[in-house]
């Protein structure tokens, strides 16, 4: 197993046949928050994302647009996929493209090893192929077409006709790994999460695994099979290898040993590739399997999975241009139970922005900084003997910190945010109960006023640290206003309540300005 002091997390690499929508951004943000949290807990952390640029779907898209596949991929990466990372404030450590030499060369090394070790053979295959999924489909995965596709079998995911293909291909002996995979799931019950995803994978593998066709000869946009250049590597076999080629497989043994294995975050529609095919490939190569595979739910709009083909895709910038990237990050990771499907609506986003960010956290920050400025001339009060109410806040700071970290260790991001929010609510309740504005009117209660403000100030700093992976922009501004040393990202998040207080506060603009949403 990987050293507990290291943490490597990946998103899927995304297909460049079209521009990103909020479903893609959701995965990016989840991985980013987990990476930031682990980084701030002192772990040697690495976050990888990137793009999948081979395969028939991209070849056809590029051809339809009158450009080469590489030109198409270059344009989409430059104009859409890399800008997405800025739009939702992703602090990734690497971005891999499957057209890079470091990937292609080491895919060939991996495949050659499997071939040399007898895990690959020549065979013929006929089946229904969905170009959208880049996958052969079983009869059970097809439905009858409607409308213009009436009378044709269509893919249940894409609602588009499948193609009957007959090819001579190279096959990976995946069936040989059925029992080893079942043993893996048994020995490590948390290898596939959540439980619903694990059950699906177990059921699939128990039904029996077929060998996997891993090459194509009907088109040439892909990594060449090293011993037979008339074939290209099947796009999924190629794509899955990005998780190891990006961290030195085949060229930097030291870096590979430092980083691998990884925790994978994937949408549940690509779960089988990551939880069945990928570990079988690694077992065949004699490499360690991933730390785990977490299949998160879909974002639903109007009850349907977000999809470009069905025109339900929403560009992340449509949200961030109005509400900001912090609100995007907070909303999708707190409103949705991580691992389940979640419905998006503008009304819910707007309501949560106002209630939780603007009125809850933002207003709390503004009030505490303003009262210290007004009643203490900006000097952070030391505070006196704590009351039961003050001690309770200190206790909640510790509990929120510990509960949030425990939730992150289980990849339950929504629980981590909820734990921090208990402190938001507790501090708001504490200020309402203690009424520092009333204490300020009585010079005899000066000590109590300073103790209340010192308690609120400290709790606010703990919140800044705890929420920094989710709200990096707002907490960076708050940290400056608190007058604390260094940056908020440098603070140990697993001991957030131990942050060192500053001596003077500075002015703080509203962290979450009121937003007028036009109907």
Protein backbone atom coordinates (compact mmCIF):
# COMPACT_ATOMS: atom_id res chain seq x y z
CA UNK A 1 0.00 0.00 0.00
CA UNK A 2 1.02 3.59 -0.48
CA UNK A 3 2.64 5.42 2.38
CA UNK A 4 -0.06 7.07 4.49
CA UNK A 5 1.83 10.34 4.03
CA UNK A 6 1.16 10.36 0.27
CA UNK A 7 -2.06 10.93 -1.67
CA UNK A 8 -2.50 10.65 -5.43
CA UNK A 9 -5.92 11.45 -6.87
CA UNK A 10 -7.13 11.44 -10.46
CA UNK A 11 -10.12 12.58 -12.45
CA UNK A 12 -11.04 10.68 -15.60
CA UNK A 13 -9.37 12.12 -18.67
CA UNK A 14 -12.10 13.80 -20.63
CA UNK A 15 -12.99 13.24 -24.26
CA UNK A 16 -12.22 16.25 -26.45
CA UNK A 17 -15.06 15.66 -28.88
CA UNK A 18 -16.91 18.62 -27.33
CA UNK A 19 -16.68 21.39 -24.73
CA UNK A 20 -17.05 20.73 -20.97
CA UNK A 21 -20.30 21.06 -19.04
CA UNK A 22 -20.94 21.28 -15.28
CA UNK A 23 -20.84 17.48 -14.93
CA UNK A 24 -17.16 17.54 -15.93
CA UNK A 25 -16.50 20.49 -13.63
CA UNK A 26 -18.17 18.63 -10.74
CA UNK A 27 -15.63 15.79 -10.99
CA UNK A 28 -12.74 18.26 -11.26
CA UNK A 29 -13.88 20.21 -8.19
CA UNK A 30 -14.39 17.06 -6.10
CA UNK A 31 -10.88 15.82 -6.89
CA UNK A 32 -9.45 19.29 -6.27
CA UNK A 33 -11.09 19.63 -2.85
CA UNK A 34 -9.83 16.19 -1.79
CA UNK A 35 -6.33 17.08 -3.04
CA UNK A 36 -6.28 20.44 -1.27
CA UNK A 37 -7.52 18.90 1.98
CA UNK A 38 -4.87 16.18 1.91
CA UNK A 39 -2.17 18.67 0.93
CA UNK A 40 -3.08 20.85 3.91
CA UNK A 41 -2.93 17.80 6.16
CA UNK A 42 0.77 17.47 5.30
CA UNK A 43 0.51 14.64 2.78
CA UNK A 44 2.70 14.43 -0.32
CA UNK A 45 -0.22 15.11 -2.67
CA UNK A 46 -0.60 14.88 -6.44
CA UNK A 47 -3.70 15.65 -8.50
CA UNK A 48 -3.90 14.57 -12.12
CA UNK A 49 -6.42 15.51 -14.79
CA UNK A 50 -6.24 15.64 -18.56
CA UNK A 51 -7.78 14.78 -21.91
CA UNK A 52 -8.46 11.64 -23.90
CA UNK A 53 -7.70 12.42 -27.55
CA UNK A 54 -7.72 9.16 -29.49
CA UNK A 55 -10.52 6.96 -30.82
CA UNK A 56 -13.11 6.83 -33.54
CA UNK A 57 -15.44 9.42 -32.03
CA UNK A 58 -12.78 12.14 -32.09
CA UNK A 59 -11.63 11.12 -35.58
CA UNK A 60 -15.20 11.50 -36.86
CA UNK A 61 -15.78 14.79 -35.03
CA UNK A 62 -12.57 16.25 -36.43
CA UNK A 63 -13.34 15.03 -39.95
CA UNK A 64 -16.83 16.55 -39.76
CA UNK A 65 -15.19 19.86 -38.84
CA UNK A 66 -12.64 19.71 -41.65
CA UNK A 67 -9.51 19.42 -39.49
CA UNK A 68 -7.11 16.66 -38.40
CA UNK A 69 -7.83 14.92 -35.07
CA UNK A 70 -4.69 16.49 -33.55
CA UNK A 71 -5.72 19.99 -34.68
CA UNK A 72 -9.18 19.41 -33.23
CA UNK A 73 -7.76 18.18 -29.92
CA UNK A 74 -5.26 21.07 -29.68
CA UNK A 75 -8.02 23.62 -30.21
CA UNK A 76 -10.42 22.05 -27.69
CA UNK A 77 -7.70 21.69 -25.03
CA UNK A 78 -6.55 25.30 -25.48
CA UNK A 79 -9.96 26.91 -25.85
CA UNK A 80 -12.14 24.81 -23.55
CA UNK A 81 -10.58 22.17 -21.30
CA UNK A 82 -7.64 24.05 -19.78
CA UNK A 83 -9.78 27.21 -19.29
CA UNK A 84 -12.28 25.04 -17.36
CA UNK A 85 -9.63 24.53 -14.67
CA UNK A 86 -9.35 28.29 -14.21
CA UNK A 87 -13.12 28.78 -14.29
CA UNK A 88 -13.67 26.55 -11.25
CA UNK A 89 -10.29 27.25 -9.58
CA UNK A 90 -8.58 23.86 -9.89
CA UNK A 91 -5.03 23.53 -8.47
CA UNK A 92 -4.01 20.39 -10.39
CA UNK A 93 -0.38 19.24 -10.34
CA UNK A 94 -0.35 17.78 -13.84
CA UNK A 95 -2.44 17.73 -17.01
CA UNK A 96 -1.88 14.78 -19.31
CA UNK A 97 -2.92 14.48 -22.95
CA UNK A 98 -2.97 11.03 -24.53
CA UNK A 99 -1.29 12.46 -27.63
CA UNK A 100 1.85 13.32 -25.62
CA UNK A 101 4.98 11.27 -26.24
CA UNK A 102 5.38 10.44 -22.52
CA UNK A 103 2.02 8.68 -22.74
CA UNK A 104 2.14 7.03 -26.17
CA UNK A 105 5.63 5.53 -25.78
CA UNK A 106 4.83 4.02 -22.38
CA UNK A 107 1.43 2.68 -23.49
CA UNK A 108 3.41 0.69 -26.07
CA UNK A 109 5.86 -0.50 -23.39
CA UNK A 110 2.98 -1.67 -21.20
CA UNK A 111 1.21 -3.45 -24.04
CA UNK A 112 4.44 -5.07 -25.26
CA UNK A 113 5.01 -6.48 -21.76
CA UNK A 114 1.51 -7.99 -21.71
CA UNK A 115 2.09 -9.46 -25.17
CA UNK A 116 5.49 -10.88 -24.21
CA UNK A 117 4.03 -12.41 -21.04
CA UNK A 118 1.26 -14.21 -22.94
CA UNK A 119 -1.71 -12.06 -21.87
CA UNK A 120 -2.57 -11.02 -25.46
CA UNK A 121 -3.71 -13.19 -28.38
CA UNK A 122 -5.17 -12.78 -31.89
CA UNK A 123 -8.86 -13.38 -32.45
CA UNK A 124 -11.94 -12.29 -34.36
CA UNK A 125 -14.84 -10.36 -32.97
CA UNK A 126 -18.27 -9.39 -34.17
CA UNK A 127 -20.56 -7.23 -32.13
CA UNK A 128 -22.54 -4.05 -31.78
CA UNK A 129 -20.25 -1.07 -31.25
CA UNK A 130 -21.29 2.33 -29.84
CA UNK A 131 -18.93 5.02 -31.11
CA UNK A 132 -20.23 7.41 -28.42
CA UNK A 133 -19.17 5.03 -25.64
CA UNK A 134 -16.22 3.65 -27.68
CA UNK A 135 -17.37 0.24 -26.45
CA UNK A 136 -18.86 -3.01 -27.72
CA UNK A 137 -22.36 -3.44 -26.30
CA UNK A 138 -24.16 -6.52 -25.04
CA UNK A 139 -27.72 -7.08 -26.25
CA UNK A 140 -28.95 -6.14 -22.76
CA UNK A 141 -27.35 -2.69 -23.12
CA UNK A 142 -29.35 -1.85 -26.27
CA UNK A 143 -32.87 -0.49 -26.64
CA UNK A 144 -35.20 -0.13 -29.61
CA UNK A 145 -34.76 3.14 -31.45
CA UNK A 146 -37.55 5.69 -31.76
CA UNK A 147 -38.22 8.52 -34.21
CA UNK A 148 -35.63 8.64 -36.98
CA UNK A 149 -33.92 5.56 -35.48
CA UNK A 150 -37.05 3.41 -35.34
CA UNK A 151 -36.37 -0.23 -36.07
CA UNK A 152 -32.67 0.08 -35.21
CA UNK A 153 -30.91 -1.05 -32.01
CA UNK A 154 -29.58 2.04 -30.17
CA UNK A 155 -27.24 2.55 -27.22
CA UNK A 156 -29.21 2.97 -23.98
CA UNK A 157 -26.84 5.79 -22.90
CA UNK A 158 -26.52 7.79 -26.14
CA UNK A 159 -29.86 6.91 -27.82
CA UNK A 160 -27.97 6.59 -31.11
CA UNK A 161 -27.69 3.55 -33.40
CA UNK A 162 -24.88 1.09 -32.78
CA UNK A 163 -22.78 -0.35 -35.60
CA UNK A 164 -22.29 -4.04 -36.29
CA UNK A 165 -18.54 -4.54 -36.56
CA UNK A 166 -16.53 -7.59 -37.53
CA UNK A 167 -12.81 -7.26 -36.93
CA UNK A 168 -9.69 -9.32 -36.49
CA UNK A 169 -8.25 -7.91 -33.28
CA UNK A 170 -5.80 -8.52 -30.50
CA UNK A 171 -7.45 -9.63 -27.27
CA UNK A 172 -6.46 -9.23 -23.62
CA UNK A 173 -7.09 -12.40 -21.57
CA UNK A 174 -9.26 -10.56 -19.06
CA UNK A 175 -11.28 -13.69 -18.23
CA UNK A 176 -8.18 -15.10 -16.53
CA UNK A 177 -8.46 -12.42 -13.85
CA UNK A 178 -12.06 -13.00 -12.79
CA UNK A 179 -11.24 -14.84 -9.55
CA UNK A 180 -8.41 -12.45 -8.68
CA UNK A 181 -10.76 -9.50 -9.10
CA UNK A 182 -13.43 -11.10 -6.92
CA UNK A 183 -10.75 -11.78 -4.27
CA UNK A 184 -9.68 -8.13 -4.46
CA UNK A 185 -13.23 -6.87 -3.89
CA UNK A 186 -13.59 -9.33 -0.98
CA UNK A 187 -10.30 -8.44 0.70
CA UNK A 188 -10.77 -4.69 0.23
CA UNK A 189 -14.49 -3.89 0.59
CA UNK A 190 -13.77 -0.18 0.11
CA UNK A 191 -11.89 -0.70 -3.17
CA UNK A 192 -15.06 0.25 -5.09
CA UNK A 193 -17.23 2.94 -3.53
CA UNK A 194 -19.98 3.77 -2.79
CA UNK A 195 -21.74 0.51 -1.83
CA UNK A 196 -24.15 0.72 -4.78
CA UNK A 197 -21.17 0.91 -7.17
CA UNK A 198 -19.45 -2.01 -5.46
CA UNK A 199 -22.58 -4.14 -5.77
CA UNK A 200 -22.87 -3.35 -9.48
CA UNK A 201 -19.24 -4.32 -10.13
CA UNK A 202 -19.49 -7.52 -8.08
CA UNK A 203 -22.62 -8.57 -9.94
CA UNK A 204 -21.01 -7.85 -13.31
CA UNK A 205 -17.84 -9.83 -12.59
CA UNK A 206 -19.70 -12.78 -11.04
CA UNK A 207 -21.65 -13.21 -14.29
CA UNK A 208 -18.36 -14.09 -15.97
CA UNK A 209 -15.77 -11.99 -17.75
CA UNK A 210 -15.13 -12.17 -21.49
CA UNK A 211 -11.74 -11.40 -22.98
CA UNK A 212 -11.32 -7.80 -24.14
CA UNK A 213 -10.69 -6.69 -27.72
CA UNK A 214 -7.82 -4.21 -27.33
CA UNK A 215 -7.03 -3.15 -30.90
CA UNK A 216 -8.73 -1.68 -33.94
CA UNK A 217 -7.72 -1.96 -37.58
CA UNK A 218 -10.54 -0.06 -39.30
CA UNK A 219 -9.07 3.38 -38.52
CA UNK A 220 -5.64 4.73 -37.59
CA UNK A 221 -6.17 7.53 -35.04
CA UNK A 222 -4.55 6.04 -31.96
CA UNK A 223 -1.40 4.56 -30.45
CA UNK A 224 0.11 1.98 -32.80
CA UNK A 225 0.25 -1.61 -31.52
CA UNK A 226 4.05 -2.01 -31.16
CA UNK A 227 4.35 -5.41 -32.87
CA UNK A 228 1.69 -4.74 -35.55
CA UNK A 229 1.37 -1.19 -36.82
CA UNK A 230 -1.71 -2.03 -38.89
CA UNK A 231 -3.60 -1.91 -35.58
CA UNK A 232 -4.13 0.91 -33.09
CA UNK A 233 -4.68 0.36 -29.37
CA UNK A 234 -8.32 0.37 -28.24
CA UNK A 235 -9.00 3.85 -26.91
CA UNK A 236 -10.05 2.73 -23.41
CA UNK A 237 -6.99 0.51 -22.99
CA UNK A 238 -4.87 3.50 -24.05
CA UNK A 239 -6.76 6.01 -21.88
CA UNK A 240 -6.68 4.06 -18.62
CA UNK A 241 -2.90 3.92 -18.77
CA UNK A 242 -2.68 7.71 -18.35
CA UNK A 243 -2.87 7.24 -14.59
CA UNK A 244 0.53 5.56 -14.59
CA UNK A 245 2.23 7.13 -17.64
CA UNK A 246 1.70 10.57 -16.05
CA UNK A 247 3.64 9.60 -12.93
CA UNK A 248 6.66 7.98 -14.52
CA UNK A 249 5.68 4.45 -15.57
CA UNK A 250 8.29 3.18 -18.02
CA UNK A 251 10.60 6.16 -17.65
CA UNK A 252 10.99 7.35 -14.04
CA UNK A 253 10.88 4.49 -11.53
CA UNK A 254 11.51 6.76 -8.55
CA UNK A 255 8.60 9.09 -9.35
CA UNK A 256 6.34 6.12 -10.08
CA UNK A 257 7.17 4.53 -6.71
CA UNK A 258 6.52 7.85 -4.99
CA UNK A 259 3.09 8.44 -6.55
CA UNK A 260 1.39 5.17 -7.44
CA UNK A 261 -1.19 3.83 -6.53
CA UNK A 262 -3.96 6.41 -7.04
CA UNK A 263 -7.46 7.04 -5.80
CA UNK A 264 -9.66 7.35 -8.88
CA UNK A 265 -12.77 9.53 -9.05
CA UNK A 266 -15.05 8.64 -11.95
CA UNK A 267 -18.61 9.10 -13.11
CA UNK A 268 -20.63 5.95 -12.50
CA UNK A 269 -21.11 5.40 -16.24
CA UNK A 270 -17.40 4.55 -16.62
CA UNK A 271 -17.17 2.55 -13.41
CA UNK A 272 -16.62 -0.87 -15.02
CA UNK A 273 -13.63 0.31 -17.04
CA UNK A 274 -11.94 1.52 -13.86
CA UNK A 275 -13.04 -1.14 -11.39
CA UNK A 276 -12.81 -4.22 -13.65
CA UNK A 277 -10.69 -3.72 -16.78
CA UNK A 278 -8.09 -1.42 -15.22
CA UNK A 279 -7.16 -3.54 -12.18
CA UNK A 280 -7.05 -6.64 -14.42
CA UNK A 281 -4.60 -4.82 -16.74
CA UNK A 282 -2.42 -3.86 -13.77
CA UNK A 283 -2.50 -7.40 -12.33
CA UNK A 284 -1.39 -8.74 -15.72
CA UNK A 285 1.55 -6.30 -15.74
CA UNK A 286 2.53 -7.19 -12.16
CA UNK A 287 1.70 -3.71 -10.88
CA UNK A 288 -0.19 -2.63 -7.80
CA UNK A 289 -3.91 -2.01 -8.28
CA UNK A 290 -5.33 1.46 -7.47
CA UNK A 291 -5.99 2.61 -3.91
CA UNK A 292 -9.66 2.70 -4.82
CA UNK A 293 -12.30 3.66 -7.37
CA UNK A 294 -15.08 6.04 -6.34
CA UNK A 295 -18.02 6.22 -8.74
CA UNK A 296 -19.90 9.46 -8.12
CA UNK A 297 -23.43 10.11 -9.29
CA UNK A 298 -24.71 12.09 -12.23
CA UNK A 299 -25.85 15.68 -12.25
CA UNK A 300 -29.43 15.73 -13.41
CA UNK A 301 -31.13 18.63 -15.14
CA UNK A 302 -34.87 18.31 -15.47
CA UNK A 303 -34.54 14.70 -14.33
CA UNK A 304 -32.09 13.76 -17.13
CA UNK A 305 -28.34 13.11 -17.01
CA UNK A 306 -26.45 16.13 -18.29
CA UNK A 307 -25.60 15.59 -21.93
CA UNK A 308 -24.41 17.63 -24.87
CA UNK A 309 -26.25 15.39 -27.30
CA UNK A 310 -29.52 16.03 -25.46
CA UNK A 311 -28.78 19.76 -25.03
CA UNK A 312 -29.02 19.63 -21.24
CA UNK A 313 -25.36 20.57 -20.84
CA UNK A 314 -24.72 23.79 -18.92
CA UNK A 315 -21.36 25.55 -19.28
CA UNK A 316 -19.68 26.10 -15.88
CA UNK A 317 -19.07 29.77 -16.77
CA UNK A 318 -22.85 30.30 -16.92
CA UNK A 319 -22.79 29.74 -13.14
CA UNK A 320 -19.42 31.25 -12.21
CA UNK A 321 -20.02 34.47 -14.15
CA UNK A 322 -22.93 35.22 -11.80
CA UNK A 323 -22.10 33.47 -8.53
CA UNK A 324 -18.31 33.04 -8.65
CA UNK A 325 -16.16 29.89 -8.56
CA UNK A 326 -16.36 29.48 -4.76
CA UNK A 327 -20.14 29.27 -4.91
CA UNK A 328 -19.93 26.71 -7.73
CA UNK A 329 -17.57 24.57 -5.66
CA UNK A 330 -19.61 24.89 -2.47
CA UNK A 331 -22.99 24.24 -4.06
CA UNK A 332 -22.19 21.06 -5.95
CA UNK A 333 -20.18 19.53 -3.12
CA UNK A 334 -22.55 20.40 -0.28
CA UNK A 335 -25.97 20.07 -1.94
CA UNK A 336 -25.28 16.58 -3.35
CA UNK A 337 -24.55 13.50 -1.25
CA UNK A 338 -21.21 12.53 -2.81
CA UNK A 339 -21.72 9.25 -4.63
CA UNK A 340 -25.40 9.76 -5.42
CA UNK A 341 -27.16 11.50 -8.30
CA UNK A 342 -28.05 15.13 -7.69
CA UNK A 343 -30.48 17.49 -9.36
CA UNK A 344 -29.33 20.95 -10.37
CA UNK A 345 -31.64 23.94 -10.47
CA UNK A 346 -30.92 27.65 -10.64
CA UNK A 347 -33.47 28.25 -7.88
CA UNK A 348 -31.74 25.90 -5.45
CA UNK A 349 -28.31 27.35 -6.26
CA UNK A 350 -29.57 30.90 -5.72
CA UNK A 351 -31.34 30.02 -2.46
CA UNK A 352 -28.30 28.24 -1.01
CA UNK A 353 -25.98 31.04 -2.09
CA UNK A 354 -28.08 33.57 -0.19
CA UNK A 355 -28.84 31.48 2.89
CA UNK A 356 -25.58 29.64 3.46
CA UNK A 357 -22.82 31.68 1.81
CA UNK A 358 -24.04 35.30 1.90
CA UNK A 359 -26.14 35.24 5.09
CA UNK A 360 -24.41 32.35 6.87
CA UNK A 361 -20.64 32.44 6.42
CA UNK A 362 -20.17 35.77 4.61
CA UNK A 363 -22.25 37.80 7.05
CA UNK A 364 -20.55 36.12 10.02
CA UNK A 365 -17.12 37.12 8.69
CA UNK A 366 -18.22 40.71 8.01
CA UNK A 367 -19.80 41.13 11.46
CA UNK A 368 -16.83 39.79 13.44
CA UNK A 369 -14.25 41.86 11.55
CA UNK A 370 -16.48 44.98 11.73
CA UNK A 371 -17.04 44.65 15.49
CA UNK A 372 -13.34 44.22 16.25
CA UNK A 373 -12.65 47.26 14.05
CA UNK A 374 -15.34 49.30 15.75
CA UNK A 375 -15.04 48.26 19.39
CA UNK A 376 -11.31 47.46 19.59
CA UNK A 377 -9.91 49.83 16.95
CA UNK A 378 -8.94 46.81 14.88
CA UNK A 379 -6.74 45.28 17.55
CA UNK A 380 -7.43 41.59 18.11
CA UNK A 381 -8.52 41.24 21.77
CA UNK A 382 -6.83 38.67 23.97
CA UNK A 383 -9.98 37.82 25.90
CA UNK A 384 -10.39 36.92 29.54
CA UNK A 385 -11.64 33.96 31.54
CA UNK A 386 -13.87 31.87 29.23
CA UNK A 387 -17.48 31.15 30.08
CA UNK A 388 -19.26 27.88 29.35
CA UNK A 389 -20.49 29.37 26.05
CA UNK A 390 -16.93 30.32 25.03
CA UNK A 391 -15.62 26.86 25.91
CA UNK A 392 -18.41 25.32 23.89
CA UNK A 393 -17.29 27.24 20.78
CA UNK A 394 -13.71 26.04 21.32
CA UNK A 395 -15.01 22.49 21.66
CA UNK A 396 -17.06 22.78 18.44
CA UNK A 397 -13.94 24.06 16.62
CA UNK A 398 -12.14 20.83 17.58
CA UNK A 399 -15.12 18.61 16.81
CA UNK A 400 -15.71 20.24 13.41
CA UNK A 401 -12.03 19.87 12.50
CA UNK A 402 -11.89 16.19 13.49
CA UNK A 403 -15.25 15.32 11.91
CA UNK A 404 -14.36 17.07 8.64
CA UNK A 405 -11.03 15.25 8.36
CA UNK A 406 -12.65 11.90 9.16
CA UNK A 407 -15.24 12.55 6.42
CA UNK A 408 -12.52 13.43 3.89
CA UNK A 409 -10.71 10.19 4.70
CA UNK A 410 -13.95 8.43 3.66
CA UNK A 411 -14.25 10.68 0.56
CA UNK A 412 -17.53 12.06 1.94
CA UNK A 413 -17.00 15.68 0.95
CA UNK A 414 -20.58 16.75 1.71
CA UNK A 415 -20.15 15.49 5.28
CA UNK A 416 -16.91 17.44 5.69
CA UNK A 417 -18.62 20.67 4.63
CA UNK A 418 -21.59 19.93 6.90
CA UNK A 419 -19.17 19.44 9.83
CA UNK A 420 -17.60 22.86 9.17
CA UNK A 421 -21.04 24.39 8.81
CA UNK A 422 -21.91 23.33 12.36
CA UNK A 423 -19.26 25.83 13.42
CA UNK A 424 -20.75 28.53 11.12
CA UNK A 425 -24.15 28.01 12.73
CA UNK A 426 -22.69 27.80 16.25
CA UNK A 427 -20.80 31.10 15.85
CA UNK A 428 -23.84 32.88 14.44
CA UNK A 429 -25.91 31.60 17.36
CA UNK A 430 -23.19 32.56 19.85
CA UNK A 431 -23.03 36.16 18.60
CA UNK A 432 -26.82 36.47 18.68
CA UNK A 433 -26.90 35.16 22.27
CA UNK A 434 -23.92 37.18 23.59
CA UNK A 435 -24.97 40.47 21.91
CA UNK A 436 -21.54 42.15 21.75
CA UNK A 437 -23.21 45.38 20.50
CA UNK A 438 -25.06 45.56 23.82
CA UNK A 439 -21.92 44.71 25.84
CA UNK A 440 -20.13 47.58 24.07
CA UNK A 441 -22.55 50.08 25.57
CA UNK A 442 -21.56 49.14 29.15
CA UNK A 443 -17.98 50.00 30.11
CA UNK A 444 -18.25 47.61 33.04
CA UNK A 445 -18.59 44.72 30.62
CA UNK A 446 -15.48 45.52 28.62
CA UNK A 447 -13.72 42.28 29.59
CA UNK A 448 -16.72 40.24 28.54
CA UNK A 449 -16.96 42.10 25.23
CA UNK A 450 -13.32 41.38 24.45
CA UNK A 451 -13.68 37.72 25.41
CA UNK A 452 -16.73 37.32 23.15
CA UNK A 453 -14.95 39.00 20.23
CA UNK A 454 -11.77 36.95 20.82
CA UNK A 455 -13.84 33.76 20.84
CA UNK A 456 -15.69 34.71 17.65
CA UNK A 457 -12.44 35.79 15.98
CA UNK A 458 -10.73 32.50 16.77
CA UNK A 459 -13.70 30.47 15.55
CA UNK A 460 -13.74 32.48 12.33
CA UNK A 461 -10.05 31.70 11.72
CA UNK A 462 -10.68 28.00 12.27
CA UNK A 463 -13.47 28.24 9.68
CA UNK A 464 -11.17 29.97 7.22
CA UNK A 465 -8.74 27.05 7.44
CA UNK A 466 -11.43 24.35 7.36
CA UNK A 467 -13.23 25.82 4.36
CA UNK A 468 -10.14 26.82 2.37
CA UNK A 469 -10.19 23.71 0.11
CA UNK A 470 -13.83 24.40 -0.80
CA UNK A 471 -13.81 28.22 -0.85
CA UNK A 472 -10.20 29.11 -1.76
CA UNK A 473 -10.90 32.66 -2.93
CA UNK A 474 -13.15 33.75 -0.04
CA UNK A 475 -10.97 32.20 2.65
CA UNK A 476 -7.82 33.81 1.21
CA UNK A 477 -9.51 37.23 1.51
CA UNK A 478 -10.73 36.43 5.02
CA UNK A 479 -7.26 35.28 6.10
CA UNK A 480 -5.80 38.66 5.13
CA UNK A 481 -8.60 40.44 7.03
CA UNK A 482 -7.85 38.30 10.11
CA UNK A 483 -4.27 39.59 10.04
CA UNK A 484 -2.83 36.10 10.43
CA UNK A 485 0.63 35.11 9.21
CA UNK A 486 1.31 33.30 5.96
CA UNK A 487 -1.49 32.09 3.71
CA UNK A 488 -4.54 30.09 4.69
CA UNK A 489 -3.40 27.24 2.42
CA UNK A 490 -0.26 26.85 4.53
CA UNK A 491 -2.23 26.02 7.67
CA UNK A 492 -2.60 22.43 8.88
CA UNK A 493 -6.23 21.59 8.19
CA UNK A 494 -6.28 18.50 10.41
CA UNK A 495 -5.45 20.87 13.30
CA UNK A 496 -7.38 23.88 12.03
CA UNK A 497 -8.24 25.08 15.56
CA UNK A 498 -4.53 25.52 16.37
CA UNK A 499 -4.03 28.44 13.95
CA UNK A 500 -1.96 31.33 15.28
CA UNK A 501 -3.98 34.54 15.70
CA UNK A 502 -2.91 37.88 14.30
CA UNK A 503 -2.69 41.21 16.13
CA UNK A 504 -4.84 43.48 13.93
CA UNK A 505 -7.73 42.93 11.56
CA UNK A 506 -7.99 44.61 8.16
CA UNK A 507 -10.99 45.76 6.13
CA UNK A 508 -13.06 42.99 4.55
CA UNK A 509 -15.23 43.41 1.48
CA UNK A 510 -18.36 41.21 1.43
CA UNK A 511 -17.18 37.68 0.65
CA UNK A 512 -20.43 36.78 -1.13
CA UNK A 513 -22.10 39.91 -2.53
CA UNK A 514 -25.83 39.79 -3.06
CA UNK A 515 -26.73 38.46 -6.48
CA UNK A 516 -29.79 39.55 -8.39
CA UNK A 517 -30.91 36.63 -10.52
CA UNK A 518 -33.15 37.64 -13.38
CA UNK A 519 -36.11 35.36 -14.00
